[in-house]
Protein backbone atom coordinates (compact mmCIF):
# COMPACT_ATOMS: atom_id res chain seq x y z
CA MET A 1 61.47 137.49 86.42
CA GLU A 2 57.80 138.15 86.64
CA GLU A 3 57.54 134.39 84.68
CA SER A 4 59.68 132.79 87.10
CA ILE A 5 57.94 133.86 90.15
CA GLN A 6 54.59 132.49 88.76
CA PHE A 7 56.37 129.45 87.85
CA ILE A 8 57.73 128.84 91.76
CA ILE A 9 54.65 129.52 92.90
CA LYS A 10 52.83 126.92 90.98
CA ILE A 11 55.20 124.37 91.94
CA LEU A 12 55.66 124.66 95.63
CA ASP A 13 53.23 122.34 96.84
CA LEU A 14 53.34 119.56 99.42
CA ALA A 15 54.89 117.35 96.11
CA TRP A 16 57.76 119.88 96.09
CA PHE A 17 59.18 119.72 99.15
CA PHE A 18 58.34 116.46 99.66
CA ASP A 19 60.63 115.65 96.39
CA VAL A 20 63.66 118.05 98.53
CA ALA A 21 63.43 115.96 101.72
CA VAL A 22 63.73 112.83 100.21
CA THR A 23 66.30 113.54 97.82
CA ALA A 24 68.40 115.14 100.53
CA LEU A 25 67.63 112.31 102.83
CA SER A 26 69.23 109.72 100.14
CA TRP A 27 72.14 111.92 99.74
CA VAL A 28 73.12 111.84 103.34
CA THR A 29 71.95 107.68 103.31
CA LEU A 30 74.25 107.15 100.47
CA ALA A 31 77.00 108.82 102.31
CA ARG A 32 76.10 107.76 106.20
CA GLY A 33 74.45 104.04 105.66
CA PRO A 34 71.18 103.06 107.10
CA VAL A 35 69.66 104.48 109.43
CA ARG A 36 70.80 102.01 111.81
CA ASP A 37 74.26 102.82 110.96
CA TRP A 38 74.44 106.16 112.36
CA ARG A 39 75.59 106.93 115.59
CA ARG A 40 76.03 110.79 115.71
CA PRO A 41 71.60 111.51 114.81
CA GLY A 42 72.72 115.16 115.90
CA ARG A 43 75.12 115.34 113.32
CA THR A 44 73.17 113.03 110.87
CA ALA A 45 70.10 115.77 111.30
CA ALA A 46 72.29 118.51 110.61
CA GLU A 47 73.72 117.37 107.33
CA PHE A 48 70.06 116.46 106.18
CA LEU A 49 69.17 119.67 107.14
CA LEU A 50 71.94 121.74 105.07
CA ALA A 51 71.81 119.26 101.85
CA GLY A 52 67.58 119.80 102.32
CA ALA A 53 68.37 123.60 102.26
CA ALA A 54 70.99 123.56 99.75
CA VAL A 55 69.05 121.73 97.51
CA ALA A 56 65.78 123.91 98.28
CA ALA A 57 67.65 126.91 98.17
CA GLY A 58 69.43 125.74 94.45
CA ARG A 59 66.45 124.55 92.74
CA LEU A 60 64.45 128.34 93.59
CA LEU A 61 68.01 129.97 92.59
CA ILE A 62 67.78 128.14 89.10
CA ILE A 63 64.21 128.55 88.54
CA LEU A 64 65.02 132.52 89.03
CA LEU A 65 67.62 132.16 86.13
CA ALA A 66 66.23 130.01 83.84
CA GLY A 67 62.72 129.57 84.73
CA SER A 68 60.97 127.13 83.56
CA ARG A 69 63.01 126.68 80.13
CA GLY A 70 65.41 123.83 79.18
CA PRO A 71 68.83 124.97 81.28
CA TYR A 72 66.96 123.98 84.56
CA LEU A 73 66.74 120.27 84.27
CA LEU A 74 70.87 120.77 83.46
CA LEU A 75 71.11 123.20 86.00
CA GLN A 76 69.51 121.02 88.33
CA ILE A 77 71.60 118.04 87.51
CA LEU A 78 74.87 120.15 87.97
CA LEU A 79 73.02 121.00 91.66
CA LEU A 80 72.91 117.10 92.62
CA GLY A 81 75.79 116.32 91.54
CA THR A 82 77.61 119.48 93.42
CA VAL A 83 75.54 118.98 97.15
CA GLY A 84 75.57 114.97 96.35
CA ALA A 85 80.01 115.48 95.76
CA LEU A 86 80.30 117.74 99.00
CA LEU A 87 78.02 114.98 101.49
CA LEU A 88 80.64 112.16 100.08
CA ARG A 89 83.96 114.12 100.76
CA PHE A 90 83.20 115.12 104.05
CA CYS A 91 80.80 112.82 105.44
CA SER A 92 81.56 109.41 103.51
CA ASP A 93 84.56 107.14 104.79
CA SER A 94 85.14 105.78 101.87
CA ARG A 95 88.20 106.04 99.78
CA LYS A 96 88.19 107.91 96.67
CA LYS A 97 87.93 105.83 94.14
CA ALA A 98 84.68 104.35 95.59
CA LYS A 99 83.43 107.59 96.25
CA LEU A 100 83.85 107.99 92.48
CA VAL A 101 81.28 104.99 91.46
CA MET A 102 78.76 105.38 94.17
CA TRP A 103 78.64 109.58 93.50
CA CYS A 104 78.42 108.65 89.80
CA SER A 105 75.82 106.29 90.36
CA MET A 106 73.97 108.35 92.94
CA LEU A 107 73.51 111.34 90.62
CA ALA A 108 72.68 109.44 87.53
CA GLY A 109 70.07 107.04 89.33
CA GLY A 110 68.64 110.18 90.92
CA CYS A 111 68.23 111.61 87.48
CA ALA A 112 66.44 108.79 86.16
CA ILE A 113 64.29 108.46 88.89
CA ASN A 114 63.21 112.28 88.68
CA SER A 115 62.69 111.70 85.29
CA ILE A 116 60.83 108.53 85.70
CA GLY A 117 59.02 110.64 88.11
CA GLY A 118 58.20 113.66 85.58
CA GLN A 119 57.70 111.20 82.59
CA CYS A 120 54.78 109.58 84.67
CA SER A 121 53.46 112.73 86.38
CA PHE A 122 53.15 114.13 82.30
CA LEU A 123 50.93 110.99 81.28
CA VAL A 124 48.77 110.69 84.42
CA GLY A 125 47.95 114.42 83.88
CA GLN A 126 46.77 113.39 79.77
CA PHE A 127 44.69 110.32 80.66
CA LEU A 128 43.84 110.19 84.05
CA ALA A 129 43.39 113.32 86.03
CA ALA A 130 45.39 116.73 86.80
CA GLY A 131 46.54 118.54 89.90
CA PHE A 132 46.86 115.70 92.98
CA ALA A 133 47.31 112.51 91.11
CA GLU A 134 50.06 113.91 89.31
CA GLY A 135 52.05 115.35 92.25
CA ALA A 136 51.29 111.95 94.03
CA ILE A 137 52.52 109.57 91.70
CA ARG A 138 55.53 111.97 91.24
CA SER A 139 55.94 111.59 95.23
CA ALA A 140 55.48 107.82 95.07
CA ILE A 141 58.49 107.41 92.64
CA SER A 142 60.50 109.89 93.89
CA LEU A 143 60.89 107.03 97.06
CA LEU A 144 62.70 104.95 94.91
CA ALA A 145 65.69 106.76 95.96
CA LEU A 146 66.03 106.20 98.98
CA PRO A 147 66.49 102.25 98.55
CA LEU A 148 68.85 102.89 96.17
CA SER A 149 70.82 104.85 98.08
CA VAL A 150 70.67 102.21 100.87
CA TYR A 151 71.80 99.44 98.00
CA LEU A 152 74.46 101.22 96.82
CA HIS A 153 75.72 101.56 100.03
CA SER A 154 75.42 98.21 101.44
CA PHE A 155 78.11 97.08 98.47
CA GLY A 156 81.76 96.78 100.11
CA PHE A 157 82.78 99.52 98.02
CA GLN A 158 86.22 99.15 99.64
CA GLU A 159 86.81 96.34 97.09
CA TYR A 160 86.28 98.61 94.15
CA GLU A 161 89.69 99.55 94.90
CA GLN A 162 90.99 96.28 93.17
CA VAL A 163 88.42 96.50 90.17
CA PRO A 164 89.92 96.30 87.07
CA ALA A 165 89.47 99.45 85.24
CA SER A 166 86.92 97.87 82.34
CA GLY A 167 84.86 97.18 84.98
CA LEU A 168 84.56 100.68 86.75
CA ALA A 169 84.45 101.47 82.70
CA THR A 170 80.94 99.60 82.72
CA ILE A 171 79.19 101.17 85.34
CA LEU A 172 80.50 104.64 84.82
CA ILE A 173 79.61 104.32 81.10
CA GLY A 174 75.80 103.60 82.05
CA ASP A 175 75.81 106.49 83.95
CA VAL A 176 76.98 108.66 82.09
CA CYS A 177 74.16 107.63 79.22
CA ILE A 178 71.62 108.26 81.60
CA ILE A 179 72.96 111.75 82.52
CA SER A 180 73.02 112.36 78.36
CA MET A 181 69.47 111.42 78.24
CA ASN A 182 68.66 114.05 80.63
CA GLY A 183 69.64 116.69 77.99
CA LEU A 184 67.82 114.85 75.43
CA GLU A 185 65.04 114.87 77.15
CA VAL A 186 65.02 119.02 77.23
CA LEU A 187 64.59 118.98 73.91
CA TRP A 188 62.05 116.40 73.71
CA ALA A 189 60.00 115.21 76.67
CA ASN A 190 56.48 115.69 77.37
CA VAL A 191 56.20 116.71 73.12
CA ASP A 192 54.19 113.76 72.24
CA TYR A 193 53.14 110.84 75.03
CA ARG A 194 54.82 108.33 72.68
CA ILE A 195 58.67 110.17 72.99
CA THR A 196 57.68 110.04 76.53
CA ILE A 197 56.61 106.66 77.18
CA THR A 198 60.17 105.86 75.19
CA PHE A 199 62.16 107.90 77.22
CA LEU A 200 60.27 106.05 80.26
CA VAL A 201 61.24 102.38 79.01
CA ALA A 202 64.85 103.49 77.72
CA TYR A 203 65.57 104.85 81.84
CA VAL A 204 64.41 101.93 83.32
CA PHE A 205 66.03 99.29 81.58
CA ILE A 206 69.36 101.45 81.76
CA LEU A 207 69.05 101.58 85.15
CA LEU A 208 68.61 98.06 85.70
CA MET A 209 71.66 97.31 83.63
CA VAL A 210 73.47 99.50 85.48
CA VAL A 211 72.37 97.82 88.80
CA ALA A 212 72.89 94.64 87.46
CA ALA A 213 76.96 95.65 86.06
CA MET A 214 77.33 96.69 89.86
CA GLN A 215 76.20 93.38 91.17
CA GLY A 216 78.58 91.78 88.86
CA ILE A 217 81.45 93.80 89.82
CA TYR A 218 80.64 93.38 92.88
CA ASP A 219 80.75 89.25 93.09
CA MET A 220 83.44 89.65 90.63
CA CYS A 221 85.51 91.46 93.49
CA ALA A 222 83.91 89.23 96.35
CA GLU A 223 84.96 86.35 94.55
CA GLN A 224 88.87 87.72 94.26
CA ASN A 225 88.80 88.42 97.73
CA LYS A 226 87.81 84.90 98.14
CA ILE A 227 90.90 83.71 95.85
CA MET A 228 93.13 85.55 97.52
CA GLU A 229 92.38 84.01 101.42
CA LEU A 230 92.42 80.89 99.72
CA GLN A 231 96.08 81.44 98.07
CA THR A 232 96.97 83.12 102.16
CA GLU A 233 95.58 79.61 103.72
CA ARG A 234 97.58 77.67 100.77
CA GLN A 235 100.45 79.77 101.26
CA ARG A 236 100.11 79.21 105.07
CA LEU A 237 99.80 75.44 105.30
CA HIS A 238 102.59 75.35 102.77
CA GLY A 239 104.66 77.14 104.99
CA GLU A 240 103.51 75.39 108.05
CA ARG A 241 104.36 71.44 106.17
CA GLU A 242 108.02 72.84 104.79
CA LEU A 243 108.55 73.47 109.10
CA ALA A 244 107.59 70.43 110.07
CA ARG A 245 110.10 69.00 107.05
CA LEU A 246 112.73 71.42 108.60
CA THR A 247 112.17 70.45 112.04
CA ALA A 248 112.52 66.54 110.83
CA ASP A 249 115.39 67.25 108.99
CA ASN A 250 116.83 69.26 112.38
CA LEU A 251 116.08 66.13 114.51
CA ASP A 252 117.69 63.49 111.88
CA ASP A 253 120.36 65.64 112.55
CA LEU A 254 120.80 66.07 116.00
CA ARG A 255 119.92 62.32 116.00
CA SER A 256 123.13 61.78 113.89
CA ILE A 257 125.51 64.54 115.66
CA ARG A 258 124.41 62.55 119.23
CA HIS A 259 125.70 59.20 117.49
CA ASP A 260 128.47 61.01 115.96
CA LEU A 261 129.43 62.48 119.34
CA LYS A 262 129.13 59.01 120.98
CA ASN A 263 132.09 57.69 118.84
CA GLN A 264 134.47 61.10 118.97
CA TYR A 265 133.99 61.00 122.90
CA SER A 266 135.14 57.64 122.73
CA TYR A 267 137.93 58.17 120.68
CA MET A 268 139.25 61.47 122.35
CA GLN A 269 139.46 59.58 125.52
CA ILE A 270 141.33 56.71 123.40
CA LEU A 271 143.79 59.58 122.69
CA LEU A 272 144.08 61.49 125.70
CA SER A 273 144.20 57.93 128.13
CA GLN A 274 147.06 57.20 125.68
CA GLN A 275 149.03 60.17 126.06
CA ARG A 276 148.45 61.45 121.82
CA TYR A 277 148.09 65.23 122.31
CA GLY A 278 149.46 66.01 118.99
CA GLU A 279 146.50 63.64 117.34
CA LEU A 280 144.16 64.75 119.83
CA GLU A 281 144.85 68.59 118.73
CA GLU A 282 144.51 67.59 114.90
CA TYR A 283 141.17 65.37 115.30
CA PHE A 284 139.97 69.19 117.23
CA ARG A 285 140.84 70.97 114.49
CA GLN A 286 139.56 68.70 111.92
CA THR A 287 136.39 68.64 113.54
CA SER A 288 135.58 71.84 113.97
CA GLU A 289 136.17 72.75 110.16
CA HIS A 290 133.82 70.56 109.50
CA MET A 291 130.70 71.24 112.23
CA LEU A 292 131.32 75.16 112.18
CA PRO A 293 130.44 75.83 108.40
CA GLN A 294 126.88 73.48 109.29
CA LEU A 295 126.66 75.18 112.43
CA GLY A 296 126.66 79.04 110.55
CA GLN A 297 124.07 77.97 108.10
CA PHE A 298 121.23 78.62 110.78
CA ILE A 299 120.40 82.28 111.77
CA ASP A 300 118.79 84.01 114.77
CA CYS A 301 117.46 87.63 113.88
CA GLY A 302 116.10 87.99 117.47
CA ASN A 303 112.59 86.84 116.86
CA ARG A 304 111.43 83.43 116.94
CA THR A 305 108.55 83.13 114.42
CA VAL A 306 110.99 85.21 111.87
CA SER A 307 113.94 83.30 112.69
CA THR A 308 112.06 80.40 111.84
CA ILE A 309 110.26 81.26 108.80
CA LEU A 310 113.83 82.92 107.52
CA ASN A 311 115.50 79.29 107.94
CA MET A 312 113.09 77.79 105.84
CA GLU A 313 113.44 80.04 103.13
CA PHE A 314 116.97 80.62 103.26
CA ALA A 315 116.61 76.36 102.91
CA LYS A 316 114.94 76.27 100.17
CA ALA A 317 117.36 79.11 98.44
CA ARG A 318 120.12 76.54 99.79
CA LYS A 319 118.87 73.91 97.54
CA GLU A 320 117.74 75.66 94.60
CA GLY A 321 121.82 77.09 94.37
CA VAL A 322 120.56 80.31 95.05
CA ALA A 323 123.50 83.14 96.50
CA PHE A 324 122.30 85.44 99.24
CA THR A 325 122.68 87.94 102.06
CA HIS A 326 121.09 89.74 104.53
CA GLN A 327 120.75 92.65 107.10
CA LEU A 328 118.56 91.45 109.95
CA VAL A 329 117.53 93.35 113.42
CA VAL A 330 114.42 92.44 113.99
CA PRO A 331 113.04 93.46 117.72
CA PRO A 332 111.92 90.47 119.69
CA VAL A 333 108.68 90.91 120.11
CA LEU A 334 106.13 92.41 117.05
CA PRO A 335 102.36 92.93 117.40
CA PHE A 336 101.94 91.04 113.96
CA SER A 337 100.42 88.01 113.91
CA HIS A 338 102.64 84.63 112.86
CA ASP A 339 100.10 83.87 109.90
CA ASP A 340 100.60 87.36 108.37
CA LEU A 341 104.53 87.76 108.98
CA CYS A 342 104.35 83.97 107.39
CA ALA A 343 102.10 85.40 104.31
CA VAL A 344 104.61 88.18 104.12
CA LEU A 345 107.80 86.27 104.21
CA THR A 346 107.03 83.02 102.34
CA ASN A 347 105.44 85.28 99.11
CA LEU A 348 108.69 87.52 99.50
CA LEU A 349 111.35 84.99 99.46
CA ASP A 350 109.20 82.54 97.59
CA ASN A 351 109.09 85.13 94.85
CA ALA A 352 112.54 86.27 95.16
CA ILE A 353 113.81 82.38 95.28
CA GLU A 354 111.95 81.26 92.02
CA GLU A 355 113.20 84.37 90.17
CA CYS A 356 116.97 83.47 91.03
CA ALA A 357 116.58 79.99 90.02
CA ARG A 358 114.89 80.81 86.36
CA LEU A 359 117.72 82.71 85.66
CA ILE A 360 120.24 80.66 86.85
CA ARG A 361 119.02 77.60 84.82
CA ALA A 362 119.09 79.85 82.23
CA GLY A 363 121.99 80.64 82.16
CA GLN A 364 122.86 83.69 84.94
CA GLU A 365 124.76 82.28 87.14
CA ASP A 366 125.33 85.52 89.47
CA ALA A 367 121.46 85.75 90.32
CA CYS A 368 121.04 86.44 93.97
CA PHE A 369 119.07 88.42 96.65
CA ARG A 370 119.20 90.22 99.35
CA LEU A 371 116.77 90.92 102.50
CA GLU A 372 116.52 93.33 105.40
CA ILE A 373 114.44 93.76 107.81
CA TYR A 374 114.89 96.35 110.79
CA PRO A 375 113.17 98.98 112.81
CA GLN A 376 112.71 102.95 111.45
CA LYS A 377 110.64 104.67 113.83
CA SER A 378 107.61 102.73 114.99
CA TYR A 379 107.37 101.21 111.69
CA LEU A 380 109.10 97.70 110.49
CA PHE A 381 110.84 98.06 107.46
CA VAL A 382 110.80 94.84 105.22
CA LEU A 383 113.12 95.54 102.14
CA CYS A 384 113.87 92.37 99.60
CA ARG A 385 116.01 92.71 96.24
CA ASN A 386 116.10 90.51 93.50
CA THR A 387 117.87 89.92 90.52
CA THR A 388 115.41 90.01 87.27
CA SER A 389 115.09 89.87 83.75
CA ARG A 390 111.62 91.92 83.99
CA THR A 391 112.16 95.62 81.90
CA GLU A 392 108.90 96.73 83.11
CA LEU A 393 106.00 96.11 85.50
CA ALA A 394 102.32 95.39 84.87
CA ARG A 395 99.78 96.30 87.64
CA SER A 396 97.05 94.71 88.63
CA GLY A 397 95.03 96.29 91.26
CA GLN A 398 96.92 96.94 94.81
CA GLY A 399 99.52 94.18 93.05
CA LEU A 400 101.20 92.98 90.25
CA ARG A 401 100.06 90.88 87.24
CA THR A 402 102.01 88.03 87.28
CA THR A 403 104.32 86.31 84.63
CA LYS A 404 103.61 82.92 85.40
CA GLY A 405 100.94 80.88 82.72
CA ASP A 406 97.90 80.49 84.92
CA ALA A 407 97.11 83.99 85.82
CA ARG A 408 93.73 83.03 87.88
CA LEU A 409 96.01 80.54 90.46
CA HIS A 410 98.98 82.83 90.33
CA GLY A 411 99.72 86.72 91.06
CA TYR A 412 98.44 87.10 94.55
CA GLY A 413 101.63 87.27 96.20
CA THR A 414 102.17 90.84 95.85
CA ARG A 415 98.40 91.78 96.82
CA ILE A 416 98.70 89.44 99.83
CA ILE A 417 101.86 91.67 100.81
CA SER A 418 99.89 94.98 100.01
CA LYS A 419 96.61 93.51 102.06
CA ILE A 420 98.70 92.88 105.35
CA ALA A 421 100.93 96.31 104.91
CA GLU A 422 97.44 98.06 104.78
CA THR A 423 95.85 96.42 107.38
CA TYR A 424 98.55 97.56 110.09
CA ASN A 425 98.94 101.36 108.60
CA GLY A 426 101.60 100.74 106.52
CA CYS A 427 102.26 100.22 102.88
CA ALA A 428 103.87 97.92 99.87
CA GLU A 429 105.91 99.30 97.26
CA PHE A 430 107.26 96.66 93.96
CA GLY A 431 109.26 98.35 91.57
CA LEU A 432 112.74 98.00 89.39
CA SER A 433 115.99 98.90 89.53
CA GLY A 434 119.45 98.44 88.24
CA GLY A 435 118.62 94.85 86.86
CA MET A 436 117.01 94.34 90.55
CA PHE A 437 113.29 93.57 91.57
CA VAL A 438 112.65 95.78 94.76
CA ALA A 439 110.19 95.05 96.98
CA LYS A 440 109.85 97.60 100.23
CA LEU A 441 107.15 96.90 103.41
CA LEU A 442 106.45 98.92 106.10
CA LEU A 443 104.49 98.13 109.55
CA ASP A 444 103.22 100.21 112.15
CA MET A 445 104.50 98.38 115.09
CA THR A 446 102.05 100.69 117.58
CA VAL A 447 99.31 99.40 116.26
CA GLU A 448 97.59 96.43 118.61
CA GLU A 449 98.01 92.55 116.78
CA ARG A 450 95.22 91.40 114.07
CA LEU A 451 93.67 88.26 115.49
């Protein structure tokens, strides 16, 4: 105990308090973002003071328990990890996976910076001057934790929800390597200046590798998002072209009907003027049998946008010879943008039609799909079931891995659906049941329309 108290007296200088303040501020910055993004200065200041007090008290307690021996460094890592985890848990708005990457990277980076500062301080004391110079170099290097925290927070970490496991593993393995080196440092550092320099160089290069890996993963996420946006735009343009074609076909049908009606009215007038009522009645019957099936192909679900999209998609299904059924109860006014509705319904139905058409070409004549849309409390519920030959689903981020040949250009439909559902405080679920592919979607009808 006496040795621990003497060690505390020895290290309690301005540099020690400065290091505690920088450590606390860096973790608060990681959770809250740069200073310009802090909207509650009083709450942020309280978080900084609590974090600083926790770090200072924890370090003093560790010294009393372990003194200056080896466990001191490992217990300090545990302390920083605990304080950082609590700050991210209660002060950060990021998701769990994003918090994990931020926490592990900041902990590893903080340990690396702390060790680099200690090694530089040791070398300064060995070759230049002891005392003030050692504390100054350690304090200067500890300031690197602040730009590191800003750098980590600057990434759109929400995008890490879509990063493959291998990408996250690349970052986390580098972080684990840095923390593991801290354990080796307990045994070998400060024994010889050559070992200290070796540790110093290793820390710098591994830290740079981790930062480069994070930048690479972030760029990959950004590229994936661009591809998704392009796919959504492509889907929307395709839908507009199909809608234009359907409208042109309808106009041609109307012109044809108008021409036929002129002839029919003339013929009926002749039958009526000649009092050939039996023939007139038979003509009405034949005309009704011929016209009603054509009229019955068009649906009106109560919402003009949804009706237009569904008529377009159902026309595709008829062209492919795919049977379908539907149950539609759609409110006349929905808070969702037309583009989002088009993206959701066309992706769902295109996938169903393509799968059923493929099975029909392969000889499975009973391939079909069913679409249900109806309100469920404050949500709009969408269910699409189609026949499939799949026996399992391969996941990829928020969506499913495509079974088509070019995975780079396909496989974004389910991701787009999931992203739109999330935009409207809803969720999307995909699964298999009884030889059917089942897609379920909930969209909150109480949210304001996204423009």
